Protein backbone atom coordinates (compact mmCIF):
# COMPACT_ATOMS: atom_id res chain seq x y z
CA MET A 1 36.39 28.13 198.47
CA ALA A 2 36.90 31.46 200.18
CA LEU A 3 36.65 34.77 198.40
CA ALA A 4 39.71 36.93 198.12
CA GLN A 5 39.53 40.48 199.50
CA GLU A 6 39.60 41.90 195.95
CA ASP A 7 36.59 39.73 195.04
CA ILE A 8 34.68 41.04 198.05
CA GLU A 9 35.50 44.64 197.10
CA PHE A 10 34.37 43.99 193.51
CA ILE A 11 31.06 42.62 194.76
CA LYS A 12 30.54 45.60 197.09
CA VAL A 13 31.16 48.03 194.25
CA HIS A 14 28.81 46.35 191.79
CA ILE A 15 26.00 44.83 193.87
CA GLY A 16 23.83 47.95 193.75
CA ASP A 17 23.95 48.02 189.97
CA TRP A 18 23.19 44.31 189.74
CA LEU A 19 20.17 44.59 192.01
CA THR A 20 18.86 47.56 190.03
CA GLU A 21 19.27 45.67 186.76
CA GLN A 22 17.37 42.69 188.15
CA SER A 23 14.49 44.84 189.38
CA LEU A 24 14.24 46.93 186.23
CA GLY A 25 14.65 43.94 183.95
CA LYS A 26 11.35 42.47 185.03
CA PRO A 27 8.09 43.59 183.46
CA PRO A 28 6.47 46.32 185.58
CA ALA A 29 3.29 44.30 186.15
CA LEU A 30 5.23 41.31 187.48
CA TYR A 31 7.35 43.56 189.69
CA GLU A 32 4.21 45.24 191.06
CA ILE A 33 2.56 41.89 191.83
CA LYS A 34 5.64 40.69 193.69
CA LEU A 35 5.84 43.96 195.59
CA ARG A 36 2.19 43.67 196.63
CA GLU A 37 2.71 40.08 197.76
CA ARG A 38 5.64 41.18 199.90
CA MET A 39 3.58 44.01 201.39
CA VAL A 40 0.80 41.59 202.33
CA ARG A 41 3.31 39.27 204.02
CA VAL A 42 4.75 42.17 206.01
CA GLU A 43 1.27 43.28 207.05
CA GLU A 44 0.40 39.75 208.17
CA GLU A 45 3.58 39.54 210.21
CA LEU A 46 2.84 42.88 211.85
CA LYS A 47 -0.63 41.66 212.83
CA HIS A 48 0.88 38.72 214.67
């Protein structure tokens, strides 16, 4: 099933808001833990 052009435009317009809602909807402690885990993974990749 392919997306119609109007569907793609709708997604482009709203994706920023959706991502913000997802990030802000999580408890701050959980968000911070996930952020730290991602930072560690990036650091490990940079070492290699």
